[in-house]
Amino acid sequence: MRTGAEIILLAAIILCFHGGLAPRTFPAEPSDTVRRRAPEEKASAAECLRLDLESALGIAVTGNAELRAIHAGRRIYDLSLAERLRDYFPTLSLSYSDSREVSMRDSDSRYRKLGAEASLDLYDGGRKGLAYDIARLRALLARNDYRIALNRLIAETIKSYLELIQLKGIIEIHRKTLEHGLIQLALIRKELELGEATRFNVLEIEAKVKEIELNLKKAVDNYEIARNRFKIQLRLDWRTPIEIIGDVENDFALHGPGGAPPVEECVALAVKNRKEIESAEVEHSINVKSHRINRLYFLPRFSIGAGYSLSDPDGSSERFIPREKGWNLSLRVTSALWGSTASGSLGLGENENANSRSRSTSAQADILNGMDYKRAIVESGIQVDASGENRRSTRQQVSIEVLSSYMALENAWEMMGIADKQLALYDSQLEIERLKADMGESKRYDLMKKEIERGEAAIARLESRVRYLTNSSILELAMGVDLGFLKLSKYRGTLDVQNP
């Protein structure tokens, strides 16, 4: 004689083979299940964009408009640097004049002149040197801005990708839990037919199955929302179907933080490599140099000028180029003091093929025409103090960021160990509970509770691994080093994205 439990198990096996259970299945990739296509969207499976971590990073970097704008902006600062370098060379100007005068009671006159003038600043109080240094520092600041934006984009892309494969794993866990729940529901219904269970027992199992289905539906919805956000982040068209390829267990090899440098060394590397600190230093240097320019406003400016000309003062020649040669030299001094500007010049020259010589002097004073010099000094001084404080706070902020990331990494590794042990314990408990339920020593409702708890433990284990991967990337970016520098994880990648 067979026992009631054996009869129930045999009936369940037969039902499984003949499709009597007809469990509701959810595919591992939820995009094929719940994607709501627009009427005009007729994309085939061949047109689906399949993304792993490497391809997602490539699309994110090449398709980001803000990153391209920052990269293009570097050209502006390079041009500005060339402009400041041009200030060291003399200026040159060419001129040609031809004037005619018609008189009613006198002879007509005509004057033509072809000339070239050049000037060069001999001393300007160091203003050109400071302006060139500022332009060079701003060009360096622009390159740092690009690197900072690139690192931030990489970190955000990795975080979003890990979130997606985590949600995929959660969907798979709920799906397997649902399959086990449907088997238990079929068995309890068969027990009801045999009179070994009550209707209340069936309702308890049905309620748990609906709870699992609800959790699965929530997980699918969360995945779809995260995937649409990922499209926005990658600047993809909303009609483009994408499939996320990857698995935490198979695509990533995790290593403990024991091989990482001590936290003090990590902080030192961050202070040395982080572009934010370098940018703060550069910004402070720019403000210091600007403040020095404003404080040395009173230093005089000495410039020298030279000219050469060909003229025809009497208009006797009909040649286009005049023949009478001339030259001139000039020295000019300009200075500012107490909001006023004074200038003086001395000039020497010859004209008409050395037949005439000239000497000229001039002086000019503009009273209170530059009263903004005090405001410029005060404003630049405030900027120096603010940038100095920002430089110190940036160093502290980066150091604390590295320390926090280091501690979070160690905690994530410990949480991984705890989650592994917790899942192993639930697996052992679940095996025992299944045997007890099959032998009639335990209620199937209790088995369903264990199934759900085991699923929650599997999700906690998955989340702990994703957390460790995320924290390792955050620590490396906080240190200002390339991803993978600490060798805390190794991405094996997808062998063939298009045809896996």
Protein backbone atom coordinates (compact mmCIF):
# COMPACT_ATOMS: atom_id res chain seq x y z
CA MET A 1 0.00 0.00 0.00
CA ARG A 2 1.25 3.43 -0.89
CA THR A 3 1.02 6.24 1.64
CA GLY A 4 -0.87 9.43 0.94
CA ALA A 5 2.36 11.42 0.56
CA GLU A 6 3.73 8.99 -2.03
CA ILE A 7 0.49 9.16 -4.00
CA ILE A 8 0.63 12.96 -3.97
CA LEU A 9 4.27 13.02 -5.17
CA LEU A 10 3.50 10.55 -7.97
CA ALA A 11 0.52 12.62 -9.08
CA ALA A 12 2.60 15.79 -9.11
CA ILE A 13 5.28 14.15 -11.27
CA ILE A 14 2.66 12.98 -13.76
CA LEU A 15 1.09 16.43 -13.91
CA CYS A 16 4.45 18.05 -14.52
CA PHE A 17 5.19 15.72 -17.45
CA HIS A 18 1.80 16.25 -19.04
CA GLY A 19 1.66 20.02 -18.56
CA GLY A 20 -1.16 19.84 -16.06
CA LEU A 21 0.47 22.39 -13.78
CA ALA A 22 0.96 24.93 -16.57
CA PRO A 23 2.97 27.24 -14.36
CA ARG A 24 3.11 30.87 -15.28
CA THR A 25 6.63 31.54 -16.55
CA PHE A 26 8.55 34.76 -16.72
CA PRO A 27 11.58 34.97 -18.98
CA ALA A 28 14.95 35.93 -17.56
CA GLU A 29 15.05 38.99 -19.80
CA PRO A 30 11.90 40.96 -18.94
CA SER A 31 12.17 43.23 -21.93
CA ASP A 32 10.44 40.63 -24.12
CA THR A 33 7.55 40.33 -21.65
CA VAL A 34 6.46 43.77 -20.63
CA ARG A 35 7.79 46.03 -23.36
CA ARG A 36 4.98 48.27 -24.54
CA ARG A 37 5.73 49.07 -28.15
CA ALA A 38 4.29 52.05 -29.98
CA PRO A 39 2.14 51.19 -33.02
CA GLU A 40 4.82 52.49 -35.39
CA GLU A 41 7.60 50.50 -33.73
CA LYS A 42 8.33 47.40 -35.79
CA ALA A 43 11.83 46.62 -34.59
CA SER A 44 12.87 43.04 -35.09
CA ALA A 45 15.11 40.97 -32.84
CA ALA A 46 18.03 41.67 -35.16
CA GLU A 47 17.64 45.42 -34.54
CA CYS A 48 17.76 45.08 -30.76
CA LEU A 49 20.80 46.81 -29.27
CA ARG A 50 22.56 44.42 -26.92
CA LEU A 51 24.66 46.12 -24.27
CA ASP A 52 27.28 44.82 -21.90
CA LEU A 53 29.40 47.02 -19.65
CA GLU A 54 32.07 47.83 -22.22
CA SER A 55 29.67 48.70 -25.03
CA ALA A 56 27.53 50.79 -22.66
CA LEU A 57 30.57 52.79 -21.57
CA GLY A 58 31.57 53.31 -25.21
CA ILE A 59 28.12 54.63 -26.16
CA ALA A 60 27.95 56.82 -23.04
CA VAL A 61 31.31 58.48 -23.73
CA THR A 62 30.90 58.97 -27.49
CA GLY A 63 27.27 60.08 -27.34
CA ASN A 64 27.41 62.52 -24.43
CA ALA A 65 26.85 66.06 -25.72
CA GLU A 66 28.02 67.74 -22.52
CA LEU A 67 31.33 65.88 -22.70
CA ARG A 68 31.80 66.92 -26.33
CA ALA A 69 31.02 70.54 -25.42
CA ILE A 70 33.62 70.53 -22.65
CA HIS A 71 36.17 68.97 -25.01
CA ALA A 72 35.40 71.58 -27.67
CA GLY A 73 35.68 74.35 -25.07
CA ARG A 74 39.30 73.40 -24.50
CA ARG A 75 40.03 74.85 -27.96
CA ILE A 76 38.86 78.26 -26.76
CA TYR A 77 41.41 78.33 -23.96
CA ASP A 78 44.15 77.14 -26.30
CA LEU A 79 43.34 80.06 -28.61
CA SER A 80 43.34 82.42 -25.65
CA LEU A 81 46.79 81.16 -24.74
CA ALA A 82 48.00 81.90 -28.28
CA GLU A 83 46.56 85.40 -27.99
CA ARG A 84 48.47 86.10 -24.79
CA LEU A 85 51.65 84.79 -26.40
CA ARG A 86 51.11 87.26 -29.26
CA ASP A 87 51.26 90.14 -26.78
CA TYR A 88 55.02 89.65 -26.44
CA PHE A 89 55.62 90.53 -30.11
CA PRO A 90 55.59 94.06 -31.56
CA THR A 91 52.55 95.48 -33.30
CA LEU A 92 52.78 96.47 -36.95
CA SER A 93 50.47 98.66 -38.98
CA LEU A 94 50.55 99.74 -42.65
CA SER A 95 48.84 102.85 -44.00
CA TYR A 96 48.36 104.68 -47.27
CA SER A 97 46.79 108.12 -47.72
CA ASP A 98 46.05 110.23 -50.79
CA SER A 99 44.41 113.62 -50.31
CA ARG A 100 43.65 116.35 -52.86
CA GLU A 101 42.54 119.93 -52.31
CA VAL A 102 41.05 122.18 -54.99
CA SER A 103 41.26 125.93 -54.31
CA MET A 104 39.31 128.68 -56.08
CA ARG A 105 41.97 131.44 -55.88
CA ASP A 106 45.11 129.40 -55.31
CA SER A 107 46.88 126.42 -56.79
CA ASP A 108 45.58 122.97 -56.10
CA SER A 109 47.43 120.68 -53.71
CA ARG A 110 47.89 116.97 -53.37
CA TYR A 111 49.47 114.90 -50.60
CA ARG A 112 50.29 111.21 -50.68
CA LYS A 113 51.95 109.07 -48.05
CA LEU A 114 52.76 105.38 -47.63
CA GLY A 115 53.86 104.41 -44.10
CA ALA A 116 54.61 101.54 -41.71
CA GLU A 117 54.47 101.87 -37.92
CA ALA A 118 55.67 99.42 -35.26
CA SER A 119 55.53 99.56 -31.47
CA LEU A 120 56.80 97.36 -28.68
CA ASP A 121 56.27 97.42 -24.92
CA LEU A 122 59.62 97.42 -23.17
CA TYR A 123 58.20 97.17 -19.67
CA ASP A 124 54.62 96.84 -18.49
CA GLY A 125 55.01 95.98 -14.81
CA GLY A 126 54.79 92.24 -15.46
CA ARG A 127 51.21 92.41 -16.71
CA LYS A 128 51.85 90.40 -19.87
CA GLY A 129 53.62 87.64 -17.99
CA LEU A 130 50.82 87.40 -15.46
CA ALA A 131 48.16 87.43 -18.19
CA TYR A 132 50.00 84.61 -20.01
CA ASP A 133 50.25 82.57 -16.81
CA ILE A 134 46.53 83.03 -16.17
CA ALA A 135 45.67 81.89 -19.71
CA ARG A 136 47.93 78.85 -19.33
CA LEU A 137 46.32 77.94 -16.02
CA ARG A 138 42.83 78.34 -17.46
CA ALA A 139 43.75 75.97 -20.29
CA LEU A 140 44.90 73.45 -17.70
CA LEU A 141 41.67 74.01 -15.78
CA ALA A 142 39.66 73.24 -18.92
CA ARG A 143 41.50 69.93 -19.39
CA ASN A 144 40.79 69.06 -15.76
CA ASP A 145 37.11 69.86 -16.25
CA TYR A 146 36.98 67.34 -19.09
CA ARG A 147 38.66 64.65 -17.01
CA ILE A 148 36.35 65.30 -14.06
CA ALA A 149 33.26 65.13 -16.27
CA LEU A 150 34.53 61.93 -17.92
CA ASN A 151 35.11 60.21 -14.57
CA ARG A 152 31.69 61.27 -13.35
CA LEU A 153 30.05 59.92 -16.51
CA ILE A 154 31.90 56.59 -16.21
CA ALA A 155 30.86 56.24 -12.56
CA GLU A 156 27.21 56.98 -13.34
CA THR A 157 27.19 54.54 -16.28
CA ILE A 158 28.74 51.73 -14.24
CA LYS A 159 26.30 52.33 -11.40
CA SER A 160 23.30 52.25 -13.76
CA TYR A 161 24.54 49.11 -15.52
CA LEU A 162 25.11 47.30 -12.22
CA GLU A 163 21.65 48.36 -11.08
CA LEU A 164 20.14 46.85 -14.23
CA ILE A 165 21.88 43.48 -13.94
CA GLN A 166 20.93 43.45 -10.25
CA LEU A 167 17.28 43.96 -11.17
CA LYS A 168 17.60 41.22 -13.79
CA GLY A 169 18.92 38.88 -11.12
CA ILE A 170 16.08 39.83 -8.77
CA ILE A 171 13.56 39.02 -11.50
CA GLU A 172 15.16 35.60 -12.02
CA ILE A 173 15.06 34.89 -8.27
CA HIS A 174 11.37 35.81 -8.05
CA ARG A 175 10.66 33.70 -11.14
CA LYS A 176 12.25 30.61 -9.63
CA THR A 177 10.47 31.23 -6.35
CA LEU A 178 7.19 31.50 -8.25
CA GLU A 179 7.85 28.21 -10.03
CA HIS A 180 8.38 26.48 -6.67
CA GLY A 181 5.28 28.16 -5.32
CA LEU A 182 3.16 26.96 -8.22
CA ILE A 183 4.37 23.40 -7.62
CA GLN A 184 3.38 23.66 -3.97
CA LEU A 185 -0.01 25.09 -5.01
CA ALA A 186 -0.61 22.13 -7.33
CA LEU A 187 0.35 19.68 -4.59
CA ILE A 188 -1.90 21.30 -1.98
CA ARG A 189 -4.79 21.22 -4.44
CA LYS A 190 -4.19 17.54 -5.05
CA GLU A 191 -4.10 17.00 -1.28
CA LEU A 192 -7.44 18.82 -1.09
CA GLU A 193 -8.89 16.40 -3.63
CA LEU A 194 -7.59 13.48 -1.57
CA GLY A 195 -9.01 14.98 1.60
CA GLU A 196 -5.64 15.50 3.24
CA ALA A 197 -5.86 19.31 3.19
CA THR A 198 -8.55 21.90 3.80
CA ARG A 199 -9.73 24.75 1.66
CA PHE A 200 -8.10 27.13 4.10
CA ASN A 201 -4.73 25.48 3.47
CA VAL A 202 -5.18 26.04 -0.26
CA LEU A 203 -6.08 29.69 0.28
CA GLU A 204 -2.93 30.19 2.35
CA ILE A 205 -0.74 28.84 -0.46
CA GLU A 206 -2.65 30.83 -3.10
CA ALA A 207 -2.09 34.01 -1.08
CA LYS A 208 1.65 33.33 -0.92
CA VAL A 209 1.77 32.63 -4.67
CA LYS A 210 0.01 35.93 -5.35
CA GLU A 211 2.50 37.65 -3.08
CA ILE A 212 5.36 36.22 -5.13
CA GLU A 213 3.66 37.24 -8.38
CA LEU A 214 3.24 40.76 -7.04
CA ASN A 215 6.92 40.92 -6.08
CA LEU A 216 7.85 39.67 -9.54
CA LYS A 217 5.67 42.28 -11.20
CA LYS A 218 7.22 45.03 -9.08
CA ALA A 219 10.70 43.81 -10.00
CA VAL A 220 9.81 43.83 -13.72
CA ASP A 221 8.41 47.36 -13.45
CA ASN A 222 11.54 48.53 -11.62
CA TYR A 223 13.68 46.99 -14.35
CA GLU A 224 11.72 48.71 -17.11
CA ILE A 225 11.95 52.08 -15.38
CA ALA A 226 15.69 51.68 -14.82
CA ARG A 227 16.21 50.59 -18.42
CA ASN A 228 14.38 53.64 -19.76
CA ARG A 229 16.52 55.85 -17.53
CA PHE A 230 19.55 54.07 -18.96
CA LYS A 231 18.38 54.99 -22.48
CA ILE A 232 18.24 58.63 -21.47
CA GLN A 233 21.69 58.40 -19.92
CA LEU A 234 23.15 56.85 -23.08
CA ARG A 235 21.34 59.42 -25.29
CA LEU A 236 19.51 56.65 -27.17
CA ASP A 237 16.30 57.07 -29.11
CA TRP A 238 13.27 56.08 -27.07
CA ARG A 239 12.15 53.66 -29.81
CA THR A 240 15.45 51.75 -29.77
CA PRO A 241 14.96 48.35 -28.08
CA ILE A 242 17.87 47.39 -25.87
CA GLU A 243 18.83 44.21 -24.07
CA ILE A 244 21.15 44.28 -21.09
CA ILE A 245 23.70 41.49 -21.19
CA GLY A 246 25.59 40.52 -18.08
CA ASP A 247 25.49 38.57 -14.86
CA VAL A 248 27.09 39.41 -11.55
CA GLU A 249 28.00 35.82 -10.77
CA ASN A 250 29.56 34.93 -14.14
CA ASP A 251 30.93 38.21 -15.51
CA PHE A 252 32.70 39.58 -12.44
CA ALA A 253 35.45 38.03 -10.34
CA LEU A 254 35.57 39.62 -6.89
CA HIS A 255 38.66 39.92 -4.71
CA GLY A 256 38.87 41.04 -1.11
CA PRO A 257 40.09 44.47 -0.03
CA GLY A 258 43.10 42.92 1.72
CA GLY A 259 45.26 43.53 -1.38
CA ALA A 260 44.39 47.23 -1.48
CA PRO A 261 46.87 49.81 -0.11
CA PRO A 262 46.33 51.21 3.40
CA VAL A 263 43.83 54.03 3.72
CA GLU A 264 46.62 56.58 4.32
CA GLU A 265 48.25 55.64 1.02
CA CYS A 266 44.89 55.82 -0.74
CA VAL A 267 44.35 59.34 0.60
CA ALA A 268 47.85 60.36 -0.55
CA LEU A 269 47.15 59.01 -4.04
CA ALA A 270 43.86 60.90 -4.13
CA VAL A 271 45.50 64.18 -3.13
CA LYS A 272 48.09 63.64 -5.84
CA ASN A 273 45.81 62.46 -8.65
CA ARG A 274 42.40 64.04 -8.15
CA LYS A 275 41.76 66.71 -10.74
CA GLU A 276 39.43 68.54 -8.37
CA ILE A 277 42.38 69.31 -6.08
CA GLU A 278 44.54 70.36 -9.00
CA SER A 279 41.74 72.58 -10.29
CA ALA A 280 41.37 74.19 -6.86
CA GLU A 281 45.11 74.86 -6.81
CA VAL A 282 44.96 76.34 -10.30
CA GLU A 283 41.97 78.51 -9.42
CA HIS A 284 43.80 79.84 -6.39
CA SER A 285 46.91 80.59 -8.47
CA ILE A 286 44.78 82.47 -11.02
CA ASN A 287 43.20 84.59 -8.30
CA VAL A 288 46.58 85.31 -6.70
CA LYS A 289 48.04 86.48 -10.02
CA SER A 290 44.96 88.58 -10.80
CA HIS A 291 45.20 90.20 -7.37
CA ARG A 292 48.88 90.96 -7.98
CA ILE A 293 48.04 92.65 -11.29
CA ASN A 294 45.45 94.83 -9.57
CA ARG A 295 47.79 95.76 -6.72
CA LEU A 296 50.59 96.78 -9.10
CA TYR A 297 48.36 99.09 -11.09
CA PHE A 298 50.74 102.03 -10.48
CA LEU A 299 53.75 100.47 -12.23
CA PRO A 300 54.62 102.46 -15.37
CA ARG A 301 54.46 101.15 -18.90
CA PHE A 302 57.37 101.94 -21.27
CA SER A 303 56.91 101.46 -24.98
CA ILE A 304 58.99 102.30 -28.04
CA GLY A 305 57.75 103.06 -31.52
CA ALA A 306 59.34 103.30 -34.96
CA GLY A 307 58.05 104.33 -38.35
CA TYR A 308 59.10 104.56 -41.98
CA SER A 309 57.30 106.47 -44.68
CA LEU A 310 57.38 107.45 -48.33
CA SER A 311 55.66 110.75 -49.09
CA ASP A 312 55.05 113.28 -51.83
CA PRO A 313 54.02 116.47 -50.03
CA ASP A 314 53.85 118.75 -53.10
CA GLY A 315 52.15 116.26 -55.37
CA SER A 316 54.63 116.84 -58.16
CA SER A 317 55.12 113.19 -58.96
CA GLU A 318 52.47 111.11 -60.62
CA ARG A 319 53.96 107.84 -59.40
CA PHE A 320 51.73 105.67 -57.29
CA ILE A 321 54.48 105.10 -54.72
CA PRO A 322 55.99 108.34 -53.42
CA ARG A 323 59.77 108.81 -53.39
CA GLU A 324 60.59 111.07 -50.42
CA LYS A 325 61.72 108.97 -47.47
CA GLY A 326 61.11 109.64 -43.82
CA TRP A 327 61.44 107.94 -40.46
CA ASN A 328 60.55 108.52 -36.82
CA LEU A 329 61.29 107.10 -33.36
CA SER A 330 59.24 107.59 -30.23
CA LEU A 331 59.35 106.70 -26.55
CA ARG A 332 56.16 106.68 -24.50
CA VAL A 333 55.63 106.36 -20.73
CA THR A 334 52.22 105.76 -19.12
CA SER A 335 51.46 105.40 -15.43
CA ALA A 336 48.45 105.42 -13.11
CA LEU A 337 48.32 106.74 -9.57
CA TRP A 338 45.41 107.28 -7.17
CA GLY A 339 42.79 106.87 -9.84
CA SER A 340 44.45 109.22 -12.36
CA THR A 341 46.53 108.50 -15.46
CA ALA A 342 49.55 110.42 -16.74
CA SER A 343 51.45 109.86 -19.98
CA GLY A 344 54.39 111.50 -21.78
CA SER A 345 56.16 110.91 -25.08
CA LEU A 346 59.32 111.98 -26.90
CA GLY A 347 59.71 111.70 -30.66
CA LEU A 348 62.44 112.24 -33.28
CA GLY A 349 62.07 112.08 -37.04
CA GLU A 350 63.27 112.98 -40.54
CA ASN A 351 61.25 113.70 -43.66
CA GLU A 352 61.72 114.63 -47.32
CA ASN A 353 64.88 112.56 -47.79
CA ALA A 354 66.57 114.00 -44.65
CA ASN A 355 65.93 117.58 -45.76
CA SER A 356 63.84 118.26 -42.65
CA ARG A 357 64.13 117.02 -39.10
CA SER A 358 61.68 117.19 -36.23
CA ARG A 359 61.61 116.72 -32.49
CA SER A 360 58.43 116.53 -30.46
CA THR A 361 57.42 116.12 -26.80
CA SER A 362 53.99 115.75 -25.27
CA ALA A 363 52.40 115.17 -21.87
CA GLN A 364 48.87 114.39 -20.78
CA ALA A 365 47.10 113.82 -17.48
CA ASP A 366 43.62 112.34 -17.03
CA ILE A 367 42.26 113.19 -13.61
CA LEU A 368 40.28 110.52 -11.69
CA ASN A 369 39.52 108.47 -14.79
CA GLY A 370 40.27 105.13 -13.13
CA MET A 371 38.63 105.19 -9.73
CA ASP A 372 37.66 101.51 -10.01
CA TYR A 373 41.18 100.39 -9.10
CA LYS A 374 40.31 100.18 -5.39
CA ARG A 375 37.25 98.04 -6.06
CA ALA A 376 39.30 95.72 -8.28
CA ILE A 377 41.88 95.27 -5.50
CA VAL A 378 39.24 94.50 -2.88
CA GLU A 379 37.31 92.10 -5.11
CA SER A 380 40.40 90.18 -6.17
CA GLY A 381 41.54 89.99 -2.54
CA ILE A 382 38.22 88.45 -1.55
CA GLN A 383 38.53 85.94 -4.39
CA VAL A 384 42.02 84.99 -3.18
CA ASP A 385 40.72 84.29 0.32
CA ALA A 386 37.73 82.33 -1.00
CA SER A 387 39.84 80.22 -3.37
CA GLY A 388 42.35 79.53 -0.60
CA GLU A 389 39.58 78.28 1.66
CA ASN A 390 38.13 76.25 -1.22
CA ARG A 391 41.55 74.69 -1.80
CA ARG A 392 41.79 73.58 1.82
CA SER A 393 38.19 72.33 1.95
CA THR A 394 38.63 70.41 -1.32
CA ARG A 395 41.59 68.54 0.13
CA GLN A 396 39.59 67.67 3.24
CA GLN A 397 36.56 66.69 1.21
CA VAL A 398 38.56 64.37 -1.04
CA SER A 399 40.31 62.80 1.97
CA ILE A 400 37.00 62.16 3.74
CA GLU A 401 35.49 60.82 0.52
CA VAL A 402 38.33 58.30 0.17
CA LEU A 403 38.05 57.31 3.84
CA SER A 404 34.29 56.81 3.57
CA SER A 405 34.62 54.79 0.36
CA TYR A 406 37.35 52.65 1.92
CA MET A 407 35.22 51.88 4.97
CA ALA A 408 32.17 51.20 2.79
CA LEU A 409 34.23 48.77 0.73
CA GLU A 410 35.36 46.82 3.79
CA ASN A 411 31.79 46.71 5.11
CA ALA A 412 30.51 45.53 1.72
CA TRP A 413 33.01 42.66 1.70
CA GLU A 414 31.93 41.60 5.19
CA MET A 415 28.28 41.85 4.15
CA MET A 416 29.04 39.56 1.21
CA GLY A 417 30.33 36.91 3.61
CA ILE A 418 27.30 37.28 5.87
CA ALA A 419 24.92 37.08 2.89
CA ASP A 420 26.65 33.92 1.61
CA LYS A 421 26.30 32.20 4.98
CA GLN A 422 22.71 33.36 5.33
CA LEU A 423 21.79 31.95 1.91
CA ALA A 424 23.53 28.65 2.68
CA LEU A 425 21.58 28.36 5.94
CA TYR A 426 18.29 29.05 4.16
CA ASP A 427 19.12 26.44 1.51
CA SER A 428 19.71 23.87 4.25
CA GLN A 429 16.53 24.86 6.07
CA LEU A 430 14.58 24.73 2.83
CA GLU A 431 15.76 21.20 2.03
CA ILE A 432 14.72 20.04 5.48
CA GLU A 433 11.38 21.84 5.21
CA ARG A 434 10.67 20.23 1.83
CA LEU A 435 11.32 16.77 3.24
CA LYS A 436 9.10 17.49 6.23
CA ALA A 437 6.32 18.79 3.98
CA ASP A 438 6.51 15.74 1.72
CA MET A 439 6.33 13.47 4.78
CA GLY A 440 3.37 15.37 6.17
CA GLU A 441 5.26 16.58 9.23
CA SER A 442 5.08 20.22 8.25
CA LYS A 443 2.54 22.49 6.61
CA ARG A 444 3.11 23.55 3.04
CA TYR A 445 2.34 27.09 4.16
CA ASP A 446 5.49 26.99 6.29
CA LEU A 447 7.40 25.69 3.27
CA MET A 448 6.13 28.59 1.19
CA LYS A 449 7.30 31.04 3.83
CA LYS A 450 10.73 29.43 3.71
CA GLU A 451 10.74 29.69 -0.09
CA ILE A 452 10.01 33.41 0.11
CA GLU A 453 12.61 33.94 2.84
CA ARG A 454 15.14 32.01 0.80
CA GLY A 455 14.40 34.27 -2.20
CA GLU A 456 14.91 37.34 -0.02
CA ALA A 457 18.25 35.92 1.14
CA ALA A 458 19.29 35.33 -2.49
CA ILE A 459 18.35 38.93 -3.32
CA ALA A 460 20.39 40.15 -0.32
CA ARG A 461 23.35 38.13 -1.57
CA LEU A 462 23.01 39.61 -5.05
CA GLU A 463 22.69 43.14 -3.67
CA SER A 464 25.80 42.65 -1.52
CA ARG A 465 27.85 41.74 -4.59
CA VAL A 466 26.56 44.67 -6.60
CA ARG A 467 27.25 46.93 -3.62
CA TYR A 468 30.84 45.67 -3.45
CA LEU A 469 31.34 46.26 -7.19
CA THR A 470 29.88 49.74 -6.93
CA ASN A 471 31.95 50.65 -3.87
CA SER A 472 35.16 49.40 -5.49
CA SER A 473 34.52 51.65 -8.51
CA ILE A 474 33.65 54.57 -6.25
CA LEU A 475 36.88 54.12 -4.28
CA GLU A 476 39.01 54.03 -7.41
CA LEU A 477 37.34 57.14 -8.80
CA ALA A 478 37.70 58.84 -5.40
CA MET A 479 41.44 58.11 -5.53
CA GLY A 480 41.71 59.57 -9.03
CA VAL A 481 43.10 56.34 -10.52
CA ASP A 482 41.90 54.28 -13.46
CA LEU A 483 39.17 51.70 -12.95
CA GLY A 484 40.73 48.37 -12.07
CA PHE A 485 43.80 49.92 -10.45
CA LEU A 486 43.14 48.27 -7.09
CA LYS A 487 42.31 44.92 -8.74
CA LEU A 488 39.34 44.40 -6.42
CA SER A 489 37.26 43.01 -9.24
CA LYS A 490 37.86 41.72 -12.74
CA TYR A 491 35.34 42.09 -15.52
CA ARG A 492 35.38 39.05 -17.74
CA GLY A 493 32.94 40.63 -20.15
CA THR A 494 30.72 39.15 -22.82
CA LEU A 495 32.61 37.19 -25.43
CA ASP A 496 30.37 38.23 -28.32
CA VAL A 497 27.82 40.96 -27.77
CA GLN A 498 26.11 40.61 -31.13
CA ASN A 499 26.05 36.81 -31.21
CA PRO A 500 26.58 35.53 -27.64
